[in-house]
Amino acid sequence: MAKLRTISLVALLLAAMGSANADTLQMQGASAGSNDERPTRGMTQASVESKYGSPAAVKAPVGDPPITRWEYANFVVFFEHDKVIHAVVKR
């Protein structure tokens, strides 16, 4: 009886190992992009403006800590105080 349990357990483990798989999520219109396409986290407002020029629009700071949004033609940059916290490429 113990031998039957051992064989059953081994068969169950082998079956579980063989059925593992993963899916790949593909999103249209989104790409990792290179760091030259948009500012990186930690850059100052002065360094962003120096590298990418003046933004097309600047939204006033909101909240505490203040979050400011600069809009460029191809991306939007979010600042906390004067440091980049996030930059996203526009679709």
PDB file of N, CA and C in Angstrom:
ATOM      1  N   MET A   1       0.821  -1.198   0.000  1.00  0.00           N
ATOM      2  CA  MET A   1       0.000   0.000   0.000  1.00  0.00           C
ATOM      3  C   MET A   1       0.868   1.267   0.000  1.00  0.00           C
ATOM      4  N   ALA A   2       1.964   1.251   0.767  1.00  0.00           N
ATOM      5  CA  ALA A   2       2.860   2.406   0.813  1.00  0.00           C
ATOM      6  C   ALA A   2       3.511   2.642  -0.548  1.00  0.00           C
ATOM      7  N   LYS A   3       3.833   1.536  -1.241  1.00  0.00           N
ATOM      8  CA  LYS A   3       4.449   1.658  -2.555  1.00  0.00           C
ATOM      9  C   LYS A   3       3.490   2.304  -3.551  1.00  0.00           C
ATOM     10  N   LEU A   4       2.218   1.967  -3.462  1.00  0.00           N
ATOM     11  CA  LEU A   4       1.192   2.541  -4.331  1.00  0.00           C
ATOM     12  C   LEU A   4       1.051   4.040  -4.064  1.00  0.00           C
ATOM     13  N   ARG A   5       1.085   4.453  -2.790  1.00  0.00           N
ATOM     14  CA  ARG A   5       1.006   5.875  -2.435  1.00  0.00           C
ATOM     15  C   ARG A   5       2.213   6.629  -2.989  1.00  0.00           C
ATOM     16  N   THR A   6       3.387   6.069  -2.866  1.00  0.00           N
ATOM     17  CA  THR A   6       4.604   6.710  -3.359  1.00  0.00           C
ATOM     18  C   THR A   6       4.539   6.888  -4.867  1.00  0.00           C
ATOM     19  N   ILE A   7       4.121   5.868  -5.570  1.00  0.00           N
ATOM     20  CA  ILE A   7       4.005   5.941  -7.025  1.00  0.00           C
ATOM     21  C   ILE A   7       2.958   6.976  -7.421  1.00  0.00           C
ATOM     22  N   SER A   8       1.855   7.014  -6.712  1.00  0.00           N
ATOM     23  CA  SER A   8       0.787   7.984  -6.998  1.00  0.00           C
ATOM     24  C   SER A   8       1.275   9.410  -6.754  1.00  0.00           C
ATOM     25  N   LEU A   9       2.013   9.610  -5.662  1.00  0.00           N
ATOM     26  CA  LEU A   9       2.527  10.927  -5.335  1.00  0.00           C
ATOM     27  C   LEU A   9       3.532  11.395  -6.390  1.00  0.00           C
ATOM     28  N   VAL A  10       4.424  10.528  -6.811  1.00  0.00           N
ATOM     29  CA  VAL A  10       5.400  10.867  -7.841  1.00  0.00           C
ATOM     30  C   VAL A  10       4.685  11.204  -9.154  1.00  0.00           C
ATOM     31  N   ALA A  11       3.695  10.434  -9.532  1.00  0.00           N
ATOM     32  CA  ALA A  11       2.937  10.688 -10.760  1.00  0.00           C
ATOM     33  C   ALA A  11       2.219  12.030 -10.678  1.00  0.00           C
ATOM     34  N   LEU A  12       1.646  12.349  -9.532  1.00  0.00           N
ATOM     35  CA  LEU A  12       0.954  13.612  -9.340  1.00  0.00           C
ATOM     36  C   LEU A  12       1.928  14.787  -9.452  1.00  0.00           C
ATOM     37  N   LEU A  13       3.096  14.689  -8.842  1.00  0.00           N
ATOM     38  CA  LEU A  13       4.097  15.750  -8.913  1.00  0.00           C
ATOM     39  C   LEU A  13       4.601  15.951 -10.344  1.00  0.00           C
ATOM     40  N   LEU A  14       4.841  14.860 -11.057  1.00  0.00           N
ATOM     41  CA  LEU A  14       5.291  14.974 -12.451  1.00  0.00           C
ATOM     42  C   LEU A  14       4.226  15.625 -13.323  1.00  0.00           C
ATOM     43  N   ALA A  15       2.977  15.297 -13.084  1.00  0.00           N
ATOM     44  CA  ALA A  15       1.886  15.893 -13.852  1.00  0.00           C
ATOM     45  C   ALA A  15       1.784  17.386 -13.573  1.00  0.00           C
ATOM     46  N   ALA A  16       1.952  17.779 -12.315  1.00  0.00           N
ATOM     47  CA  ALA A  16       1.870  19.190 -11.952  1.00  0.00           C
ATOM     48  C   ALA A  16       3.021  19.981 -12.563  1.00  0.00           C
ATOM     49  N   MET A  17       4.203  19.407 -12.594  1.00  0.00           N
ATOM     50  CA  MET A  17       5.367  20.092 -13.163  1.00  0.00           C
ATOM     51  C   MET A  17       5.227  20.273 -14.668  1.00  0.00           C
ATOM     52  N   GLY A  18       4.648  19.334 -15.328  1.00  0.00           N
ATOM     53  CA  GLY A  18       4.515  19.386 -16.782  1.00  0.00           C
ATOM     54  C   GLY A  18       3.444  20.352 -17.253  1.00  0.00           C
ATOM     55  N   SER A  19       2.534  20.791 -16.380  1.00  0.00           N
ATOM     56  CA  SER A  19       1.435  21.642 -16.808  1.00  0.00           C
ATOM     57  C   SER A  19       1.667  23.127 -16.531  1.00  0.00           C
ATOM     58  N   ALA A  20       2.825  23.493 -15.995  1.00  0.00           N
ATOM     59  CA  ALA A  20       3.098  24.907 -15.712  1.00  0.00           C
ATOM     60  C   ALA A  20       3.376  25.653 -17.012  1.00  0.00           C
ATOM     61  N   ASN A  21       2.805  26.853 -17.135  1.00  0.00           N
ATOM     62  CA  ASN A  21       3.066  27.696 -18.294  1.00  0.00           C
ATOM     63  C   ASN A  21       2.850  29.154 -17.918  1.00  0.00           C
ATOM     64  N   ALA A  22       3.194  30.050 -18.808  1.00  0.00           N
ATOM     65  CA  ALA A  22       3.027  31.478 -18.553  1.00  0.00           C
ATOM     66  C   ALA A  22       2.500  32.144 -19.816  1.00  0.00           C
ATOM     67  N   ASP A  23       1.785  33.235 -19.617  1.00  0.00           N
ATOM     68  CA  ASP A  23       1.276  34.022 -20.734  1.00  0.00           C
ATOM     69  C   ASP A  23       2.102  35.292 -20.872  1.00  0.00           C
ATOM     70  N   THR A  24       2.164  35.826 -22.066  1.00  0.00           N
ATOM     71  CA  THR A  24       2.847  37.083 -22.319  1.00  0.00           C
ATOM     72  C   THR A  24       1.797  38.135 -22.625  1.00  0.00           C
ATOM     73  N   LEU A  25       1.841  39.232 -21.879  1.00  0.00           N
ATOM     74  CA  LEU A  25       0.900  40.324 -22.084  1.00  0.00           C
ATOM     75  C   LEU A  25       1.477  41.284 -23.113  1.00  0.00           C
ATOM     76  N   GLN A  26       0.749  41.499 -24.192  1.00  0.00           N
ATOM     77  CA  GLN A  26       1.172  42.439 -25.217  1.00  0.00           C
ATOM     78  C   GLN A  26       0.166  43.564 -25.287  1.00  0.00           C
ATOM     79  N   MET A  27       0.654  44.791 -25.152  1.00  0.00           N
ATOM     80  CA  MET A  27      -0.221  45.954 -25.167  1.00  0.00           C
ATOM     81  C   MET A  27       0.084  46.784 -26.399  1.00  0.00           C
ATOM     82  N   GLN A  28      -0.933  47.041 -27.192  1.00  0.00           N
ATOM     83  CA  GLN A  28      -0.745  47.850 -28.393  1.00  0.00           C
ATOM     84  C   GLN A  28      -0.552  49.306 -27.997  1.00  0.00           C
ATOM     85  N   GLY A  29       0.354  49.975 -28.676  1.00  0.00           N
ATOM     86  CA  GLY A  29       0.567  51.401 -28.421  1.00  0.00           C
ATOM     87  C   GLY A  29       1.467  51.693 -27.253  1.00  0.00           C
ATOM     88  N   ALA A  30       1.962  50.675 -26.571  1.00  0.00           N
ATOM     89  CA  ALA A  30       2.845  50.890 -25.429  1.00  0.00           C
ATOM     90  C   ALA A  30       4.170  50.212 -25.701  1.00  0.00           C
ATOM     91  N   SER A  31       5.234  50.880 -25.296  1.00  0.00           N
ATOM     92  CA  SER A  31       6.548  50.278 -25.446  1.00  0.00           C
ATOM     93  C   SER A  31       7.435  50.734 -24.311  1.00  0.00           C
ATOM     94  N   ALA A  32       8.433  49.928 -24.007  1.00  0.00           N
ATOM     95  CA  ALA A  32       9.366  50.281 -22.945  1.00  0.00           C
ATOM     96  C   ALA A  32      10.128  51.540 -23.322  1.00  0.00           C
ATOM     97  N   GLY A  33      10.531  51.628 -24.573  1.00  0.00           N
ATOM     98  CA  GLY A  33      11.224  52.809 -25.060  1.00  0.00           C
ATOM     99  C   GLY A  33      12.592  52.976 -24.432  1.00  0.00           C
ATOM    100  N   SER A  34      13.384  53.824 -25.022  1.00  0.00           N
ATOM    101  CA  SER A  34      14.696  54.095 -24.454  1.00  0.00           C
ATOM    102  C   SER A  34      14.590  55.294 -23.527  1.00  0.00           C
ATOM    103  N   ASN A  35      15.566  55.459 -22.673  1.00  0.00           N
ATOM    104  CA  ASN A  35      15.545  56.555 -21.714  1.00  0.00           C
ATOM    105  C   ASN A  35      15.679  57.910 -22.380  1.00  0.00           C
ATOM    106  N   ASP A  36      16.169  57.975 -23.643  1.00  0.00           N
ATOM    107  CA  ASP A  36      16.301  59.252 -24.334  1.00  0.00           C
ATOM    108  C   ASP A  36      14.953  59.800 -24.782  1.00  0.00           C
ATOM    109  N   GLU A  37      13.933  58.948 -24.831  1.00  0.00           N
ATOM    110  CA  GLU A  37      12.617  59.403 -25.272  1.00  0.00           C
ATOM    111  C   GLU A  37      11.919  60.256 -24.229  1.00  0.00           C
ATOM    112  N   ARG A  38      12.287  60.074 -22.965  1.00  0.00           N
ATOM    113  CA  ARG A  38      11.629  60.804 -21.888  1.00  0.00           C
ATOM    114  C   ARG A  38      12.578  60.954 -20.701  1.00  0.00           C
ATOM    115  N   PRO A  39      12.312  61.914 -19.841  1.00  0.00           N
ATOM    116  CA  PRO A  39      13.165  62.116 -18.671  1.00  0.00           C
ATOM    117  C   PRO A  39      13.116  60.909 -17.720  1.00  0.00           C
ATOM    118  N   THR A  40      14.157  60.762 -16.933  1.00  0.00           N
ATOM    119  CA  THR A  40      14.224  59.664 -15.969  1.00  0.00           C
ATOM    120  C   THR A  40      13.992  60.175 -14.552  1.00  0.00           C
ATOM    121  N   ARG A  41      13.580  59.267 -13.705  1.00  0.00           N
ATOM    122  CA  ARG A  41      13.289  59.586 -12.317  1.00  0.00           C
ATOM    123  C   ARG A  41      14.497  60.241 -11.653  1.00  0.00           C
ATOM    124  N   GLY A  42      14.232  61.310 -10.905  1.00  0.00           N
ATOM    125  CA  GLY A  42      15.290  61.990 -10.165  1.00  0.00           C
ATOM    126  C   GLY A  42      15.869  63.206 -10.861  1.00  0.00           C
ATOM    127  N   MET A  43      15.594  63.362 -12.164  1.00  0.00           N
ATOM    128  CA  MET A  43      16.087  64.555 -12.857  1.00  0.00           C
ATOM    129  C   MET A  43      15.413  65.796 -12.279  1.00  0.00           C
ATOM    130  N   THR A  44      16.121  66.915 -12.281  1.00  0.00           N
ATOM    131  CA  THR A  44      15.531  68.168 -11.802  1.00  0.00           C
ATOM    132  C   THR A  44      14.770  68.845 -12.938  1.00  0.00           C
ATOM    133  N   GLN A  45      13.920  69.794 -12.559  1.00  0.00           N
ATOM    134  CA  GLN A  45      13.190  70.545 -13.573  1.00  0.00           C
ATOM    135  C   GLN A  45      14.155  71.273 -14.501  1.00  0.00           C
ATOM    136  N   ALA A  46      15.233  71.809 -13.944  1.00  0.00           N
ATOM    137  CA  ALA A  46      16.220  72.526 -14.754  1.00  0.00           C
ATOM    138  C   ALA A  46      16.888  71.591 -15.761  1.00  0.00           C
ATOM    139  N   SER A  47      17.229  70.367 -15.339  1.00  0.00           N
ATOM    140  CA  SER A  47      17.885  69.438 -16.263  1.00  0.00           C
ATOM    141  C   SER A  47      16.923  68.942 -17.337  1.00  0.00           C
ATOM    142  N   VAL A  48      15.641  68.781 -16.984  1.00  0.00           N
ATOM    143  CA  VAL A  48      14.643  68.380 -17.986  1.00  0.00           C
ATOM    144  C   VAL A  48      14.486  69.485 -19.024  1.00  0.00           C
ATOM    145  N   GLU A  49      14.370  70.714 -18.564  1.00  0.00           N
ATOM    146  CA  GLU A  49      14.202  71.830 -19.499  1.00  0.00           C
ATOM    147  C   GLU A  49      15.454  72.013 -20.362  1.00  0.00           C
ATOM    148  N   SER A  50      16.621  71.786 -19.774  1.00  0.00           N
ATOM    149  CA  SER A  50      17.873  71.895 -20.523  1.00  0.00           C
ATOM    150  C   SER A  50      17.966  70.840 -21.622  1.00  0.00           C
ATOM    151  N   LYS A  51      17.562  69.617 -21.304  1.00  0.00           N
ATOM    152  CA  LYS A  51      17.688  68.516 -22.261  1.00  0.00           C
ATOM    153  C   LYS A  51      16.557  68.472 -23.283  1.00  0.00           C
ATOM    154  N   TYR A  52      15.328  68.775 -22.854  1.00  0.00           N
ATOM    155  CA  TYR A  52      14.156  68.596 -23.726  1.00  0.00           C
ATOM    156  C   TYR A  52      13.510  69.910 -24.157  1.00  0.00           C
ATOM    157  N   GLY A  53      13.996  71.038 -23.663  1.00  0.00           N
ATOM    158  CA  GLY A  53      13.418  72.324 -24.008  1.00  0.00           C
ATOM    159  C   GLY A  53      12.245  72.682 -23.110  1.00  0.00           C
ATOM    160  N   SER A  54      11.637  73.799 -23.393  1.00  0.00           N
ATOM    161  CA  SER A  54      10.489  74.258 -22.603  1.00  0.00           C
ATOM    162  C   SER A  54       9.274  73.390 -22.890  1.00  0.00           C
ATOM    163  N   PRO A  55       8.482  73.091 -21.865  1.00  0.00           N
ATOM    164  CA  PRO A  55       7.272  72.288 -22.092  1.00  0.00           C
ATOM    165  C   PRO A  55       6.217  73.090 -22.839  1.00  0.00           C
ATOM    166  N   ALA A  56       5.345  72.371 -23.534  1.00  0.00           N
ATOM    167  CA  ALA A  56       4.234  73.016 -24.241  1.00  0.00           C
ATOM    168  C   ALA A  56       3.231  73.589 -23.253  1.00  0.00           C
ATOM    169  N   ALA A  57       3.068  72.916 -22.108  1.00  0.00           N
ATOM    170  CA  ALA A  57       2.143  73.383 -21.072  1.00  0.00           C
ATOM    171  C   ALA A  57       2.665  72.968 -19.706  1.00  0.00           C
ATOM    172  N   VAL A  58       2.423  73.819 -18.712  1.00  0.00           N
ATOM    173  CA  VAL A  58       2.788  73.525 -17.334  1.00  0.00           C
ATOM    174  C   VAL A  58       1.524  73.628 -16.492  1.00  0.00           C
ATOM    175  N   LYS A  59       1.187  72.566 -15.796  1.00  0.00           N
ATOM    176  CA  LYS A  59       0.015  72.566 -14.918  1.00  0.00           C
ATOM    177  C   LYS A  59       0.455  72.924 -13.507  1.00  0.00           C
ATOM    178  N   ALA A  60      -0.318  73.716 -12.827  1.00  0.00           N
ATOM    179  CA  ALA A  60       0.020  74.194 -11.488  1.00  0.00           C
ATOM    180  C   ALA A  60       0.165  73.025 -10.506  1.00  0.00           C
ATOM    181  N   PRO A  61       1.016  73.201  -9.486  1.00  0.00           N
ATOM    182  CA  PRO A  61       1.182  72.150  -8.472  1.00  0.00           C
ATOM    183  C   PRO A  61      -0.129  71.843  -7.768  1.00  0.00           C
ATOM    184  N   VAL A  62      -0.325  70.550  -7.462  1.00  0.00           N
ATOM    185  CA  VAL A  62      -1.536  70.092  -6.784  1.00  0.00           C
ATOM    186  C   VAL A  62      -1.131  69.200  -5.625  1.00  0.00           C
ATOM    187  N   GLY A  63      -1.800  69.356  -4.485  1.00  0.00           N
ATOM    188  CA  GLY A  63      -1.624  68.436  -3.366  1.00  0.00           C
ATOM    189  C   GLY A  63      -0.439  68.745  -2.471  1.00  0.00           C
ATOM    190  N   ASP A  64      -0.219  67.822  -1.526  1.00  0.00           N
ATOM    191  CA  ASP A  64       0.880  67.931  -0.578  1.00  0.00           C
ATOM    192  C   ASP A  64       1.515  66.569  -0.410  1.00  0.00           C
ATOM    193  N   PRO A  65       2.685  66.307  -0.902  1.00  0.00           N
ATOM    194  CA  PRO A  65       3.620  67.240  -1.522  1.00  0.00           C
ATOM    195  C   PRO A  65       3.116  67.708  -2.889  1.00  0.00           C
ATOM    196  N   PRO A  66       3.566  68.876  -3.318  1.00  0.00           N
ATOM    197  CA  PRO A  66       3.076  69.414  -4.583  1.00  0.00           C
ATOM    198  C   PRO A  66       3.546  68.591  -5.782  1.00  0.00           C
ATOM    199  N   ILE A  67       2.599  68.211  -6.633  1.00  0.00           N
ATOM    200  CA  ILE A  67       2.889  67.475  -7.865  1.00  0.00           C
ATOM    201  C   ILE A  67       2.602  68.409  -9.044  1.00  0.00           C
ATOM    202  N   THR A  68       3.620  68.648  -9.854  1.00  0.00           N
ATOM    203  CA  THR A  68       3.515  69.518 -11.026  1.00  0.00           C
ATOM    204  C   THR A  68       3.596  68.656 -12.275  1.00  0.00           C
ATOM    205  N   ARG A  69       2.851  69.027 -13.296  1.00  0.00           N
ATOM    206  CA  ARG A  69       2.849  68.274 -14.562  1.00  0.00           C
ATOM    207  C   ARG A  69       3.310  69.180 -15.688  1.00  0.00           C
ATOM    208  N   TRP A  70       4.319  68.680 -16.422  1.00  0.00           N
ATOM    209  CA  TRP A  70       4.792  69.365 -17.626  1.00  0.00           C
ATOM    210  C   TRP A  70       4.410  68.517 -18.815  1.00  0.00           C
ATOM    211  N   GLU A  71       3.793  69.142 -19.808  1.00  0.00           N
ATOM    212  CA  GLU A  71       3.369  68.419 -21.006  1.00  0.00           C
ATOM    213  C   GLU A  71       4.247  68.808 -22.197  1.00  0.00           C
ATOM    214  N   TYR A  72       4.798  67.784 -22.825  1.00  0.00           N
ATOM    215  CA  TYR A  72       5.579  67.942 -24.048  1.00  0.00           C
ATOM    216  C   TYR A  72       4.794  67.298 -25.188  1.00  0.00           C
ATOM    217  N   ALA A  73       5.274  67.433 -26.398  1.00  0.00           N
ATOM    218  CA  ALA A  73       4.569  66.870 -27.556  1.00  0.00           C
ATOM    219  C   ALA A  73       4.449  65.346 -27.473  1.00  0.00           C
ATOM    220  N   ASN A  74       5.503  64.660 -27.019  1.00  0.00           N
ATOM    221  CA  ASN A  74       5.507  63.192 -27.026  1.00  0.00           C
ATOM    222  C   ASN A  74       5.414  62.544 -25.654  1.00  0.00           C
ATOM    223  N   PHE A  75       5.527  63.310 -24.592  1.00  0.00           N
ATOM    224  CA  PHE A  75       5.482  62.729 -23.253  1.00  0.00           C
ATOM    225  C   PHE A  75       5.010  63.754 -22.232  1.00  0.00           C
ATOM    226  N   VAL A  76       4.650  63.252 -21.040  1.00  0.00           N
ATOM    227  CA  VAL A  76       4.232  64.090 -19.913  1.00  0.00           C
ATOM    228  C   VAL A  76       5.140  63.739 -18.739  1.00  0.00           C
ATOM    229  N   VAL A  77       5.608  64.767 -18.034  1.00  0.00           N
ATOM    230  CA  VAL A  77       6.514  64.574 -16.903  1.00  0.00           C
ATOM    231  C   VAL A  77       5.823  65.040 -15.626  1.00  0.00           C
ATOM    232  N   PHE A  78       5.913  64.226 -14.572  1.00  0.00           N
ATOM    233  CA  PHE A  78       5.355  64.564 -13.274  1.00  0.00           C
ATOM    234  C   PHE A  78       6.492  64.813 -12.293  1.00  0.00           C
ATOM    235  N   PHE A  79       6.428  65.953 -11.605  1.00  0.00           N
ATOM    236  CA  PHE A  79       7.455  66.336 -10.641  1.00  0.00           C
ATOM    237  C   PHE A  79       6.866  66.373  -9.235  1.00  0.00           C
ATOM    238  N   GLU A  80       7.655  65.927  -8.268  1.00  0.00           N
ATOM    239  CA  GLU A  80       7.349  66.171  -6.858  1.00  0.00           C
ATOM    240  C   GLU A  80       8.379  67.189  -6.421  1.00  0.00           C
ATOM    241  N   HIS A  81       7.923  68.352  -5.998  1.00  0.00           N
ATOM    242  CA  HIS A  81       8.782  69.517  -5.793  1.00  0.00           C
ATOM    243  C   HIS A  81       9.493  69.780  -7.124  1.00  0.00           C
ATOM    244  N   ASP A  82      10.804  69.632  -7.230  1.00  0.00           N
ATOM    245  CA  ASP A  82      11.477  69.891  -8.511  1.00  0.00           C
ATOM    246  C   ASP A  82      12.150  68.644  -9.087  1.00  0.00           C
ATOM    247  N   LYS A  83      11.766  67.458  -8.621  1.00  0.00           N
ATOM    248  CA  LYS A  83      12.376  66.213  -9.100  1.00  0.00           C
ATOM    249  C   LYS A  83      11.345  65.365  -9.870  1.00  0.00           C
ATOM    250  N   VAL A  84      11.805  64.749 -10.974  1.00  0.00           N
ATOM    251  CA  VAL A  84      10.935  63.867 -11.754  1.00  0.00           C
ATOM    252  C   VAL A  84      10.582  62.630 -10.928  1.00  0.00           C
ATOM    253  N   ILE A  85       9.281  62.348 -10.838  1.00  0.00           N
ATOM    254  CA  ILE A  85       8.855  61.093 -10.201  1.00  0.00           C
ATOM    255  C   ILE A  85       8.306  60.105 -11.219  1.00  0.00           C
ATOM    256  N   HIS A  86       7.874  60.634 -12.386  1.00  0.00           N
ATOM    257  CA  HIS A  86       7.340  59.744 -13.417  1.00  0.00           C
ATOM    258  C   HIS A  86       7.271  60.503 -14.738  1.00  0.00           C
ATOM    259  N   ALA A  87       7.513  59.782 -15.822  1.00  0.00           N
ATOM    260  CA  ALA A  87       7.365  60.363 -17.157  1.00  0.00           C
ATOM    261  C   ALA A  87       6.731  59.293 -18.042  1.00  0.00           C
ATOM    262  N   VAL A  88       5.691  59.670 -18.761  1.00  0.00           N
ATOM    263  CA  VAL A  88       4.979  58.716 -19.605  1.00  0.00           C
ATOM    264  C   VAL A  88       4.950  59.205 -21.043  1.00  0.00           C
ATOM    265  N   VAL A  89       5.094  58.261 -21.968  1.00  0.00           N
ATOM    266  CA  VAL A  89       5.032  58.560 -23.393  1.00  0.00           C
ATOM    267  C   VAL A  89       3.564  58.661 -23.800  1.00  0.00           C
ATOM    268  N   LYS A  90       3.216  59.690 -24.566  1.00  0.00           N
ATOM    269  CA  LYS A  90       1.850  59.831 -25.071  1.00  0.00           C
ATOM    270  C   LYS A  90       1.612  58.836 -26.188  1.00  0.00           C
ATOM    271  N   ARG A  91       0.389  58.401 -26.340  1.00  0.00           N
ATOM    272  CA  ARG A  91       0.026  57.510 -27.456  1.00  0.00           C
ATOM    273  C   ARG A  91      -0.199  58.313 -28.698  1.00  0.00           C
TER     274      ARG A  91
END
